[in-house]
C-alpha atoms as a PDB file:
ATOM      1  CA  MET A   1      53.735 -59.758 117.864  1.00  0.00           C
ATOM      2  CA  ASN A   2      52.014 -62.964 118.919  1.00  0.00           C
ATOM      3  CA  GLN A   3      52.451 -66.542 117.686  1.00  0.00           C
ATOM      4  CA  LEU A   4      49.559 -66.651 115.189  1.00  0.00           C
ATOM      5  CA  ASN A   5      50.711 -63.431 113.570  1.00  0.00           C
ATOM      6  CA  LYS A   6      54.337 -64.552 113.392  1.00  0.00           C
ATOM      7  CA  LEU A   7      53.293 -67.798 111.719  1.00  0.00           C
ATOM      8  CA  GLY A   8      51.000 -66.066 109.224  1.00  0.00           C
ATOM      9  CA  ILE A   9      47.876 -67.782 110.578  1.00  0.00           C
ATOM     10  CA  THR A  10      46.515 -64.276 111.115  1.00  0.00           C
ATOM     11  CA  VAL A  11      47.298 -60.963 109.427  1.00  0.00           C
ATOM     12  CA  GLY A  12      47.001 -57.417 110.704  1.00  0.00           C
ATOM     13  CA  LYS A  13      46.431 -56.150 114.224  1.00  0.00           C
ATOM     14  CA  ASP A  14      43.511 -56.146 116.665  1.00  0.00           C
ATOM     15  CA  ASN A  15      41.979 -59.305 115.210  1.00  0.00           C
ATOM     16  CA  LYS A  16      39.147 -60.135 117.629  1.00  0.00           C
ATOM     17  CA  ALA A  17      39.335 -63.896 117.080  1.00  0.00           C
ATOM     18  CA  GLU A  18      43.097 -63.845 117.537  1.00  0.00           C
ATOM     19  CA  ILE A  19      42.771 -61.986 120.866  1.00  0.00           C
ATOM     20  CA  VAL A  20      40.191 -64.521 122.067  1.00  0.00           C
ATOM     21  CA  PHE A  21      42.348 -67.463 120.906  1.00  0.00           C
ATOM     22  CA  ASP A  22      45.329 -66.084 122.832  1.00  0.00           C
ATOM     23  CA  GLN A  23      43.197 -65.867 125.973  1.00  0.00           C
ATOM     24  CA  LEU A  24      42.288 -69.576 125.820  1.00  0.00           C
ATOM     25  CA  MET A  25      45.807 -70.964 126.381  1.00  0.00           C
ATOM     26  CA  PRO A  26      49.078 -69.176 127.161  1.00  0.00           C
ATOM     27  CA  ASP A  27      51.016 -71.062 124.435  1.00  0.00           C
ATOM     28  CA  PHE A  28      49.560 -73.497 121.890  1.00  0.00           C
ATOM     29  CA  LEU A  29      52.998 -75.111 121.449  1.00  0.00           C
ATOM     30  CA  LYS A  30      52.887 -76.248 125.083  1.00  0.00           C
ATOM     31  CA  VAL A  31      49.377 -77.710 125.174  1.00  0.00           C
ATOM     32  CA  ASN A  32      49.665 -81.387 126.144  1.00  0.00           C
ATOM     33  CA  TYR A  33      47.659 -83.938 124.168  1.00  0.00           C
ATOM     34  CA  LYS A  34      47.846 -87.630 123.321  1.00  0.00           C
ATOM     35  CA  LYS A  35      45.842 -87.516 120.099  1.00  0.00           C
ATOM     36  CA  PRO A  36      45.014 -84.683 117.673  1.00  0.00           C
ATOM     37  CA  SER A  37      41.321 -84.977 118.579  1.00  0.00           C
ATOM     38  CA  ASP A  38      42.257 -84.338 122.258  1.00  0.00           C
ATOM     39  CA  TYR A  39      43.940 -81.067 121.252  1.00  0.00           C
ATOM     40  CA  ILE A  40      40.814 -79.947 119.380  1.00  0.00           C
ATOM     41  CA  ARG A  41      38.553 -80.910 122.289  1.00  0.00           C
ATOM     42  CA  THR A  42      40.774 -79.187 124.895  1.00  0.00           C
ATOM     43  CA  TYR A  43      40.778 -75.927 122.938  1.00  0.00           C
ATOM     44  CA  TRP A  44      37.101 -76.017 121.984  1.00  0.00           C
ATOM     45  CA  ASP A  45      36.008 -76.779 125.558  1.00  0.00           C
ATOM     46  CA  ALA A  46      38.068 -73.797 126.741  1.00  0.00           C
ATOM     47  CA  TYR A  47      36.493 -71.600 124.055  1.00  0.00           C
ATOM     48  CA  LYS A  48      32.932 -72.681 124.953  1.00  0.00           C
ATOM     49  CA  LYS A  49      33.457 -71.109 128.389  1.00  0.00           C
ATOM     50  CA  HIS A  50      34.468 -67.801 126.806  1.00  0.00           C
ATOM     51  CA  PRO A  51      31.774 -65.130 127.220  1.00  0.00           C
ATOM     52  CA  GLU A  52      32.173 -63.588 123.781  1.00  0.00           C
ATOM     53  CA  GLY A  53      31.333 -66.525 121.546  1.00  0.00           C
ATOM     54  CA  ASN A  54      29.212 -65.948 118.421  1.00  0.00           C
ATOM     55  CA  ASN A  55      28.819 -67.661 115.056  1.00  0.00           C
ATOM     56  CA  ASN A  56      31.398 -65.561 113.245  1.00  0.00           C
ATOM     57  CA  LEU A  57      33.908 -65.943 116.052  1.00  0.00           C
ATOM     58  CA  ASN A  58      33.191 -69.681 116.333  1.00  0.00           C
ATOM     59  CA  GLY A  59      34.316 -70.298 112.767  1.00  0.00           C
ATOM     60  CA  LYS A  60      37.535 -68.316 113.086  1.00  0.00           C
ATOM     61  CA  ILE A  61      38.507 -69.894 116.415  1.00  0.00           C
ATOM     62  CA  PHE A  62      37.869 -73.389 114.983  1.00  0.00           C
ATOM     63  CA  GLU A  63      40.057 -72.523 111.998  1.00  0.00           C
ATOM     64  CA  TYR A  64      42.872 -71.320 114.287  1.00  0.00           C
ATOM     65  CA  ILE A  65      42.596 -74.467 116.425  1.00  0.00           C
ATOM     66  CA  LEU A  66      42.942 -76.648 113.315  1.00  0.00           C
ATOM     67  CA  ALA A  67      45.790 -74.541 111.904  1.00  0.00           C
ATOM     68  CA  THR A  68      47.770 -74.675 115.165  1.00  0.00           C
ATOM     69  CA  LEU A  69      47.150 -78.427 115.424  1.00  0.00           C
ATOM     70  CA  PHE A  70      48.576 -78.880 111.913  1.00  0.00           C
ATOM     71  CA  VAL A  71      51.628 -76.858 112.993  1.00  0.00           C
ATOM     72  CA  ARG A  72      52.027 -79.088 116.061  1.00  0.00           C
ATOM     73  CA  GLU A  73      51.770 -82.183 113.851  1.00  0.00           C
ATOM     74  CA  GLY A  74      54.367 -80.876 111.381  1.00  0.00           C
ATOM     75  CA  LEU A  75      51.897 -80.621 108.497  1.00  0.00           C
ATOM     76  CA  ILE A  76      53.492 -77.690 106.685  1.00  0.00           C
ATOM     77  CA  PRO A  77      53.613 -75.669 104.463  1.00  0.00           C
ATOM     78  CA  LEU A  78      50.031 -74.801 105.386  1.00  0.00           C
ATOM     79  CA  TYR A  79      48.072 -72.290 103.308  1.00  0.00           C
ATOM     80  CA  ILE A  80      45.263 -70.331 104.982  1.00  0.00           C
ATOM     81  CA  SER A  81      42.488 -68.460 103.117  1.00  0.00           C
ATOM     82  CA  ALA A  82      44.075 -69.817  99.956  1.00  0.00           C
ATOM     83  CA  LYS A  83      43.299 -69.090  96.329  1.00  0.00           C
ATOM     84  CA  VAL A  84      44.061 -71.632  93.607  1.00  0.00           C
ATOM     85  CA  ALA A  85      45.045 -70.718  90.041  1.00  0.00           C
ATOM     86  CA  PHE A  86      42.200 -71.222  87.525  1.00  0.00           C
ATOM     87  CA  VAL A  87      39.639 -71.709  90.326  1.00  0.00           C
ATOM     88  CA  PRO A  88      37.933 -68.298  90.352  1.00  0.00           C
ATOM     89  CA  ASN A  89      36.023 -66.715  93.255  1.00  0.00           C
ATOM     90  CA  VAL A  90      36.881 -69.384  95.837  1.00  0.00           C
ATOM     91  CA  ILE A  91      38.923 -68.907  99.003  1.00  0.00           C
ATOM     92  CA  TYR A  92      39.777 -72.208 100.688  1.00  0.00           C
ATOM     93  CA  ASP A  93      39.973 -72.310 104.506  1.00  0.00           C
ATOM     94  CA  LEU A  94      43.079 -74.472 104.890  1.00  0.00           C
ATOM     95  CA  MET A  95      45.135 -76.127 102.200  1.00  0.00           C
ATOM     96  CA  PHE A  96      48.242 -78.219 101.635  1.00  0.00           C
ATOM     97  CA  TYR A  97      50.082 -79.036  98.422  1.00  0.00           C
ATOM     98  CA  THR A  98      51.371 -82.580  97.965  1.00  0.00           C
ATOM     99  CA  SER A  99      53.506 -84.168  95.258  1.00  0.00           C
ATOM    100  CA  GLU A 100      51.116 -87.161  95.108  1.00  0.00           C
ATOM    101  CA  ARG A 101      47.685 -85.518  94.914  1.00  0.00           C
ATOM    102  CA  GLY A 102      48.323 -81.832  94.331  1.00  0.00           C
ATOM    103  CA  PRO A 103      46.079 -79.682  96.576  1.00  0.00           C
ATOM    104  CA  ILE A 104      44.457 -81.112  99.691  1.00  0.00           C
ATOM    105  CA  CYS A 105      41.725 -78.869 101.038  1.00  0.00           C
ATOM    106  CA  ILE A 106      40.394 -78.774 104.594  1.00  0.00           C
ATOM    107  CA  SER A 107      37.100 -76.930 104.872  1.00  0.00           C
ATOM    108  CA  ALA A 108      36.438 -75.968 108.503  1.00  0.00           C
ATOM    109  CA  LYS A 109      32.810 -75.587 109.618  1.00  0.00           C
ATOM    110  CA  THR A 110      31.799 -75.728 113.287  1.00  0.00           C
ATOM    111  CA  SER A 111      28.275 -76.716 112.196  1.00  0.00           C
ATOM    112  CA  LEU A 112      27.027 -77.675 108.750  1.00  0.00           C
ATOM    113  CA  ARG A 113      23.297 -77.168 108.119  1.00  0.00           C
ATOM    114  CA  GLU A 114      23.276 -76.124 104.426  1.00  0.00           C
ATOM    115  CA  ARG A 115      26.906 -75.013 104.417  1.00  0.00           C
ATOM    116  CA  TYR A 116      28.147 -78.422 103.343  1.00  0.00           C
ATOM    117  CA  LYS A 117      26.753 -77.532  99.881  1.00  0.00           C
ATOM    118  CA  GLN A 118      29.165 -74.617  99.571  1.00  0.00           C
ATOM    119  CA  ALA A 119      32.087 -76.856 100.623  1.00  0.00           C
ATOM    120  CA  ASP A 120      30.996 -79.448  98.055  1.00  0.00           C
ATOM    121  CA  LEU A 121      30.830 -76.853  95.244  1.00  0.00           C
ATOM    122  CA  GLU A 122      34.288 -75.566  96.197  1.00  0.00           C
ATOM    123  CA  ALA A 123      35.606 -79.137  96.140  1.00  0.00           C
ATOM    124  CA  ILE A 124      34.082 -79.717  92.679  1.00  0.00           C
ATOM    125  CA  ALA A 125      35.679 -76.506  91.387  1.00  0.00           C
ATOM    126  CA  LEU A 126      39.058 -77.604  92.748  1.00  0.00           C
ATOM    127  CA  LYS A 127      38.823 -81.078  91.221  1.00  0.00           C
ATOM    128  CA  TYR A 128      37.810 -79.635  87.872  1.00  0.00           C
ATOM    129  CA  VAL A 129      41.326 -78.155  87.667  1.00  0.00           C
ATOM    130  CA  HIS A 130      43.231 -80.635  89.867  1.00  0.00           C
ATOM    131  CA  ARG A 131      41.721 -84.060  89.196  1.00  0.00           C
ATOM    132  CA  LYS A 132      43.588 -85.845  92.001  1.00  0.00           C
ATOM    133  CA  ALA A 133      42.908 -83.191  94.659  1.00  0.00           C
ATOM    134  CA  LEU A 134      41.348 -84.227  97.964  1.00  0.00           C
ATOM    135  CA  SER A 135      38.730 -82.256  99.906  1.00  0.00           C
ATOM    136  CA  PHE A 136      37.780 -82.903 103.504  1.00  0.00           C
ATOM    137  CA  LEU A 137      35.048 -81.136 105.438  1.00  0.00           C
ATOM    138  CA  VAL A 138      35.966 -80.993 109.135  1.00  0.00           C
ATOM    139  CA  THR A 139      33.232 -80.149 111.625  1.00  0.00           C
ATOM    140  CA  LEU A 140      32.206 -80.465 115.275  1.00  0.00           C
ATOM    141  CA  GLU A 141      28.607 -81.558 114.623  1.00  0.00           C
ATOM    142  CA  GLU A 142      28.324 -85.337 114.765  1.00  0.00           C
ATOM    143  CA  SER A 143      24.721 -85.792 113.601  1.00  0.00           C
ATOM    144  CA  GLU A 144      25.136 -83.353 110.696  1.00  0.00           C
ATOM    145  CA  ALA A 145      28.374 -85.071 109.666  1.00  0.00           C
ATOM    146  CA  LYS A 146      26.563 -88.413 109.617  1.00  0.00           C
ATOM    147  CA  SER A 147      23.908 -86.986 107.318  1.00  0.00           C
ATOM    148  CA  VAL A 148      26.460 -85.580 104.837  1.00  0.00           C
ATOM    149  CA  LYS A 149      28.467 -88.824 104.916  1.00  0.00           C
ATOM    150  CA  ALA A 150      25.296 -90.593 103.751  1.00  0.00           C
ATOM    151  CA  LYS A 151      24.933 -88.036 100.931  1.00  0.00           C
ATOM    152  CA  ILE A 152      28.539 -88.714  99.827  1.00  0.00           C
ATOM    153  CA  LYS A 153      27.794 -92.446  99.804  1.00  0.00           C
ATOM    154  CA  SER A 154      24.590 -91.996  97.791  1.00  0.00           C
ATOM    155  CA  GLY A 155      26.298 -89.679  95.277  1.00  0.00           C
ATOM    156  CA  ASP A 156      24.303 -86.563  96.215  1.00  0.00           C
ATOM    157  CA  VAL A 157      27.558 -84.936  97.347  1.00  0.00           C
ATOM    158  CA  ILE A 158      30.265 -85.531  94.748  1.00  0.00           C
ATOM    159  CA  GLY A 159      33.137 -83.135  95.481  1.00  0.00           C
ATOM    160  CA  LEU A 160      33.902 -83.905  99.115  1.00  0.00           C
ATOM    161  CA  ASP A 161      35.953 -87.002  99.886  1.00  0.00           C
ATOM    162  CA  ASN A 162      34.826 -87.211 103.486  1.00  0.00           C
ATOM    163  CA  VAL A 163      33.202 -85.344 106.361  1.00  0.00           C
ATOM    164  CA  ILE A 164      35.120 -85.704 109.613  1.00  0.00           C
ATOM    165  CA  VAL A 165      34.255 -84.800 113.194  1.00  0.00           C
ATOM    166  CA  ALA A 166      37.331 -83.122 114.669  1.00  0.00           C
ATOM    167  CA  THR A 167      36.807 -84.495 118.189  1.00  0.00           C
ATOM    168  CA  ASN A 168      36.390 -88.121 117.042  1.00  0.00           C
ATOM    169  CA  GLU A 169      38.845 -90.924 116.332  1.00  0.00           C
ATOM    170  CA  GLU A 170      38.322 -90.452 112.579  1.00  0.00           C
ATOM    171  CA  PHE A 171      40.119 -87.098 112.833  1.00  0.00           C
ATOM    172  CA  ASN A 172      43.190 -88.875 114.224  1.00  0.00           C
ATOM    173  CA  ASP A 173      43.006 -91.218 111.220  1.00  0.00           C
ATOM    174  CA  LEU A 174      42.891 -88.192 108.894  1.00  0.00           C
ATOM    175  CA  ILE A 175      46.079 -86.783 110.460  1.00  0.00           C
ATOM    176  CA  ILE A 176      47.799 -90.172 110.020  1.00  0.00           C
ATOM    177  CA  GLU A 177      46.634 -90.249 106.374  1.00  0.00           C
ATOM    178  CA  LEU A 178      47.887 -86.703 105.721  1.00  0.00           C
ATOM    179  CA  LYS A 179      51.311 -87.587 107.105  1.00  0.00           C
ATOM    180  CA  LEU A 180      51.745 -90.175 104.349  1.00  0.00           C
ATOM    181  CA  PHE A 181      51.953 -87.410 101.734  1.00  0.00           C
ATOM    182  CA  ASN A 182      54.985 -85.373 100.727  1.00  0.00           C
ATOM    183  CA  PHE A 183      54.195 -81.731 101.419  1.00  0.00           C
ATOM    184  CA  SER A 184      55.771 -79.015  99.328  1.00  0.00           C
ATOM    185  CA  GLU A 185      55.208 -75.578  97.923  1.00  0.00           C
ATOM    186  CA  PRO A 186      53.024 -75.636  94.791  1.00  0.00           C
ATOM    187  CA  PRO A 187      54.818 -75.314  91.455  1.00  0.00           C
ATOM    188  CA  THR A 188      54.845 -72.018  89.621  1.00  0.00           C
ATOM    189  CA  VAL A 189      52.134 -72.229  87.000  1.00  0.00           C
ATOM    190  CA  LYS A 190      53.310 -71.786  83.437  1.00  0.00           C
ATOM    191  CA  VAL A 191      50.074 -71.129  81.605  1.00  0.00           C
ATOM    192  CA  ILE A 192      51.389 -72.012  78.134  1.00  0.00           C
ATOM    193  CA  GLU A 193      54.317 -74.265  77.260  1.00  0.00           C
ATOM    194  CA  SER A 194      55.632 -75.114  73.799  1.00  0.00           C
ATOM    195  CA  ASN A 195      58.930 -75.823  72.059  1.00  0.00           C
ATOM    196  CA  GLN A 196      57.585 -74.106  68.948  1.00  0.00           C
ATOM    197  CA  ILE A 197      57.134 -70.424  69.669  1.00  0.00           C
ATOM    198  CA  VAL A 198      56.885 -67.741  67.016  1.00  0.00           C
ATOM    199  CA  THR A 199      58.252 -64.551  68.563  1.00  0.00           C
ATOM    200  CA  LYS A 200      58.527 -60.965  67.403  1.00  0.00           C
ATOM    201  CA  GLU A 201      62.311 -61.365  67.265  1.00  0.00           C
ATOM    202  CA  LYS A 202      62.066 -64.401  64.945  1.00  0.00           C
ATOM    203  CA  VAL A 203      59.700 -62.531  62.621  1.00  0.00           C
ATOM    204  CA  LEU A 204      62.064 -59.528  62.465  1.00  0.00           C
ATOM    205  CA  ASN A 205      64.999 -61.843  61.763  1.00  0.00           C
ATOM    206  CA  LEU A 206      63.241 -63.156  58.647  1.00  0.00           C
ATOM    207  CA  LYS A 207      63.272 -59.728  57.047  1.00  0.00           C
END
């Protein structure tokens, strides 16, 4: 069983993206880098030379690169393809839970085009339930990121906190910012709490 599978970054066998990722570097734990953005660039440059690249594969490989970088940086527990209670029909790419802000979501998109809208809607849905939650869209497309940043500033995009290019200095700043939080497992959700509960037993005891 390989590293990604052991860590839970991937599930099942014969995952095409996982096989390709394993071919890029012999061991992600031994990849040398000075800054997080260097790690992303090293991996992505290696992947760009791979003959089997396509849009679907691009997204998965980018997700695995980010997930393994978070592991290297000690940002765990890390939740992948995560669902959040009371946020229906949304699967978040990468997510942390912090005692200060609750969920922090990282949406990974190699390129944006119109896909930033989906990330924004998912961020809005998350913040509807978790008011303090943070949502970051991480991409590789600089010009598209600039455009969405302007939309955040103008108020046209309201759910996302920031759009960050993973190979730029701003990504290193994001990692520094994330390290300021206390990471933990999310609490078990108790849907209803009350000190005044009428139970079947209490009713029977009245008789």
